[in-house]
């Protein structure tokens, strides 16, 4: 299966989920190009972007695992 580049946008509203989120990202580290996290203290949330190069199914599985975390929202944009 052909790899695709994608960006996964994550908003963490429940900081109790951060450790689990980092564990999931660690599982997929071989596909991650880079990541950037920005704490937004005014709203007590974290905004994270993850650039990834992987098969579509792998990207979907990663986003699905992240989306099941309590207080974590995720959206993915794919390259063509």
N, C-alpha and C. Protein backbone atom coordinates (compact mmCIF):
# COMPACT_ATOMS: atom_id res chain seq x y z
N UNK A 1 0.85 -1.18 0.00
CA UNK A 1 0.00 0.00 0.00
C UNK A 1 0.89 1.24 0.00
N UNK A 2 0.50 2.22 -0.77
CA UNK A 2 1.27 3.45 -0.92
C UNK A 2 1.11 4.37 0.29
N UNK A 3 2.22 4.98 0.68
CA UNK A 3 2.18 5.94 1.78
C UNK A 3 1.59 7.26 1.32
N UNK A 4 0.97 7.94 2.28
CA UNK A 4 0.45 9.29 2.05
C UNK A 4 0.95 10.19 3.16
N UNK A 5 1.13 11.44 2.82
CA UNK A 5 1.46 12.43 3.84
C UNK A 5 0.15 12.97 4.39
N UNK A 6 0.15 13.25 5.68
CA UNK A 6 -1.05 13.78 6.31
C UNK A 6 -0.65 14.63 7.51
N UNK A 7 -1.58 15.44 7.94
CA UNK A 7 -1.42 16.20 9.18
C UNK A 7 -2.59 15.83 10.08
N UNK A 8 -2.25 15.49 11.30
CA UNK A 8 -3.27 15.14 12.29
C UNK A 8 -3.33 16.28 13.30
N UNK A 9 -4.48 16.90 13.39
CA UNK A 9 -4.70 18.00 14.33
C UNK A 9 -5.38 17.45 15.57
N UNK A 10 -4.80 17.75 16.73
CA UNK A 10 -5.31 17.20 17.99
C UNK A 10 -5.54 18.34 18.97
N UNK A 11 -6.67 18.33 19.63
CA UNK A 11 -6.94 19.27 20.72
C UNK A 11 -7.22 18.46 21.97
N UNK A 12 -6.42 18.70 22.99
CA UNK A 12 -6.55 17.99 24.26
C UNK A 12 -7.21 18.91 25.27
N UNK A 13 -8.40 18.52 25.72
CA UNK A 13 -9.12 19.29 26.73
C UNK A 13 -9.04 18.63 28.10
N UNK A 14 -8.69 17.36 28.13
CA UNK A 14 -8.54 16.62 29.38
C UNK A 14 -7.08 16.23 29.54
N UNK A 15 -6.36 16.93 30.39
CA UNK A 15 -4.92 16.68 30.54
C UNK A 15 -4.62 15.30 31.11
N UNK A 16 -5.61 14.63 31.69
CA UNK A 16 -5.41 13.26 32.17
C UNK A 16 -5.13 12.29 31.02
N UNK A 17 -5.47 12.68 29.80
CA UNK A 17 -5.27 11.82 28.63
C UNK A 17 -3.91 12.02 27.96
N UNK A 18 -3.13 12.97 28.42
CA UNK A 18 -1.85 13.29 27.76
C UNK A 18 -0.89 12.11 27.77
N UNK A 19 -0.78 11.42 28.89
CA UNK A 19 0.15 10.29 28.97
C UNK A 19 -0.25 9.18 27.98
N UNK A 20 -1.53 8.89 27.88
CA UNK A 20 -2.00 7.88 26.93
C UNK A 20 -1.77 8.33 25.49
N UNK A 21 -2.00 9.61 25.23
CA UNK A 21 -1.77 10.17 23.90
C UNK A 21 -0.30 10.01 23.51
N UNK A 22 0.59 10.37 24.40
CA UNK A 22 2.02 10.24 24.10
C UNK A 22 2.41 8.78 23.87
N UNK A 23 1.79 7.87 24.60
CA UNK A 23 2.05 6.44 24.40
C UNK A 23 1.62 5.97 23.01
N UNK A 24 0.46 6.44 22.57
CA UNK A 24 -0.03 6.09 21.23
C UNK A 24 0.90 6.66 20.16
N UNK A 25 1.28 7.92 20.31
CA UNK A 25 2.19 8.52 19.33
C UNK A 25 3.52 7.78 19.29
N UNK A 26 3.98 7.31 20.44
CA UNK A 26 5.23 6.56 20.49
C UNK A 26 5.13 5.25 19.70
N UNK A 27 3.96 4.61 19.74
CA UNK A 27 3.74 3.38 18.97
C UNK A 27 3.91 3.61 17.47
N UNK A 28 3.60 4.80 17.00
CA UNK A 28 3.62 5.12 15.57
C UNK A 28 4.81 6.00 15.19
N UNK A 29 5.82 6.09 16.05
CA UNK A 29 6.92 7.03 15.83
C UNK A 29 7.67 6.78 14.53
N UNK A 30 7.66 5.55 14.01
CA UNK A 30 8.38 5.27 12.77
C UNK A 30 7.76 6.00 11.58
N UNK A 31 6.51 6.42 11.69
CA UNK A 31 5.81 7.12 10.62
C UNK A 31 5.78 8.63 10.80
N UNK A 32 6.08 9.10 12.00
CA UNK A 32 5.93 10.52 12.31
C UNK A 32 7.10 11.32 11.77
N UNK A 33 6.79 12.33 10.97
CA UNK A 33 7.80 13.23 10.42
C UNK A 33 8.18 14.26 11.48
N UNK A 34 7.18 14.79 12.17
CA UNK A 34 7.42 15.78 13.21
C UNK A 34 6.12 16.12 13.92
N UNK A 35 6.26 16.76 15.05
CA UNK A 35 5.08 17.17 15.80
C UNK A 35 5.35 18.48 16.50
N UNK A 36 4.28 19.22 16.73
CA UNK A 36 4.39 20.50 17.43
C UNK A 36 3.22 20.59 18.40
N UNK A 37 3.51 20.93 19.64
CA UNK A 37 2.48 21.10 20.65
C UNK A 37 2.51 22.51 21.20
N UNK A 38 1.34 23.09 21.33
CA UNK A 38 1.22 24.45 21.84
C UNK A 38 0.24 24.45 23.01
N UNK A 39 0.72 24.77 24.20
CA UNK A 39 -0.23 24.91 25.32
C UNK A 39 -0.97 26.25 25.19
N UNK A 40 -2.27 26.20 25.29
CA UNK A 40 -3.09 27.41 25.26
C UNK A 40 -3.66 27.60 26.66
N UNK A 41 -2.88 28.27 27.50
CA UNK A 41 -3.20 28.38 28.92
C UNK A 41 -4.52 29.12 29.18
N UNK A 42 -4.84 30.09 28.33
CA UNK A 42 -6.07 30.86 28.52
C UNK A 42 -7.31 29.95 28.53
N UNK A 43 -7.29 28.91 27.71
CA UNK A 43 -8.43 27.99 27.62
C UNK A 43 -8.14 26.64 28.28
N UNK A 44 -6.93 26.49 28.84
CA UNK A 44 -6.52 25.25 29.51
C UNK A 44 -6.63 24.04 28.58
N UNK A 45 -6.13 24.21 27.34
CA UNK A 45 -6.10 23.13 26.36
C UNK A 45 -4.71 23.05 25.74
N UNK A 46 -4.47 21.97 25.03
CA UNK A 46 -3.24 21.79 24.28
C UNK A 46 -3.61 21.55 22.82
N UNK A 47 -2.91 22.23 21.92
CA UNK A 47 -3.13 22.09 20.49
C UNK A 47 -1.89 21.42 19.92
N UNK A 48 -2.08 20.28 19.28
CA UNK A 48 -0.96 19.49 18.79
C UNK A 48 -1.17 19.18 17.32
N UNK A 49 -0.11 19.33 16.53
CA UNK A 49 -0.15 18.90 15.14
C UNK A 49 0.92 17.84 14.93
N UNK A 50 0.56 16.81 14.19
CA UNK A 50 1.48 15.71 13.91
C UNK A 50 1.53 15.51 12.40
N UNK A 51 2.72 15.66 11.81
CA UNK A 51 2.92 15.38 10.39
C UNK A 51 3.34 13.92 10.28
N UNK A 52 2.72 13.19 9.35
CA UNK A 52 2.94 11.75 9.27
C UNK A 52 3.02 11.31 7.81
N UNK A 53 3.81 10.28 7.55
CA UNK A 53 3.94 9.67 6.24
C UNK A 53 3.76 8.17 6.43
N UNK A 54 2.58 7.66 6.03
CA UNK A 54 2.24 6.26 6.32
C UNK A 54 1.13 5.81 5.38
N UNK A 55 0.87 4.51 5.32
CA UNK A 55 -0.29 4.03 4.58
C UNK A 55 -1.58 4.61 5.17
N UNK A 56 -2.58 4.78 4.31
CA UNK A 56 -3.86 5.36 4.74
C UNK A 56 -4.44 4.62 5.93
N UNK A 57 -4.41 3.30 5.90
CA UNK A 57 -4.97 2.51 7.00
C UNK A 57 -4.26 2.78 8.33
N UNK A 58 -2.96 2.99 8.27
CA UNK A 58 -2.17 3.26 9.48
C UNK A 58 -2.54 4.63 10.05
N UNK A 59 -2.67 5.61 9.16
CA UNK A 59 -3.05 6.96 9.60
C UNK A 59 -4.45 6.93 10.23
N UNK A 60 -5.36 6.22 9.59
CA UNK A 60 -6.73 6.11 10.13
C UNK A 60 -6.74 5.41 11.48
N UNK A 61 -5.94 4.36 11.62
CA UNK A 61 -5.88 3.64 12.90
C UNK A 61 -5.33 4.55 14.00
N UNK A 62 -4.29 5.31 13.68
CA UNK A 62 -3.72 6.23 14.66
C UNK A 62 -4.75 7.27 15.07
N UNK A 63 -5.39 7.90 14.11
CA UNK A 63 -6.39 8.93 14.42
C UNK A 63 -7.55 8.33 15.22
N UNK A 64 -7.94 7.11 14.90
CA UNK A 64 -9.02 6.45 15.64
C UNK A 64 -8.67 6.21 17.09
N UNK A 65 -7.46 5.74 17.34
CA UNK A 65 -7.01 5.51 18.72
C UNK A 65 -6.98 6.82 19.50
N UNK A 66 -6.48 7.86 18.85
CA UNK A 66 -6.41 9.17 19.53
C UNK A 66 -7.81 9.69 19.81
N UNK A 67 -8.70 9.56 18.85
CA UNK A 67 -10.08 10.05 19.00
C UNK A 67 -10.88 9.36 20.08
N UNK A 68 -10.46 8.16 20.47
CA UNK A 68 -11.17 7.45 21.54
C UNK A 68 -10.73 7.87 22.94
N UNK A 69 -9.69 8.69 23.02
CA UNK A 69 -9.24 9.16 24.34
C UNK A 69 -10.23 10.17 24.90
N UNK A 70 -10.42 10.14 26.20
CA UNK A 70 -11.35 11.04 26.87
C UNK A 70 -10.86 12.49 26.77
N UNK A 71 -11.72 13.37 26.26
CA UNK A 71 -11.38 14.79 26.20
C UNK A 71 -10.38 15.14 25.13
N UNK A 72 -10.29 14.32 24.09
CA UNK A 72 -9.34 14.58 22.99
C UNK A 72 -10.11 14.56 21.68
N UNK A 73 -9.94 15.63 20.88
CA UNK A 73 -10.57 15.74 19.57
C UNK A 73 -9.49 15.65 18.51
N UNK A 74 -9.81 15.01 17.38
CA UNK A 74 -8.81 14.82 16.33
C UNK A 74 -9.45 14.98 14.96
N UNK A 75 -8.69 15.56 14.05
CA UNK A 75 -9.08 15.68 12.64
C UNK A 75 -7.84 15.42 11.80
N UNK A 76 -8.03 14.82 10.63
CA UNK A 76 -6.91 14.50 9.76
C UNK A 76 -7.13 15.06 8.38
N UNK A 77 -6.07 15.64 7.81
CA UNK A 77 -6.08 16.11 6.41
C UNK A 77 -5.00 15.35 5.67
N UNK A 78 -5.37 14.79 4.51
CA UNK A 78 -4.47 13.94 3.72
C UNK A 78 -3.98 14.67 2.46
N UNK A 79 -2.77 14.29 2.02
CA UNK A 79 -2.30 14.73 0.72
C UNK A 79 -3.02 13.90 -0.34
N UNK A 80 -2.92 14.34 -1.57
CA UNK A 80 -3.57 13.60 -2.67
C UNK A 80 -2.72 12.42 -3.05
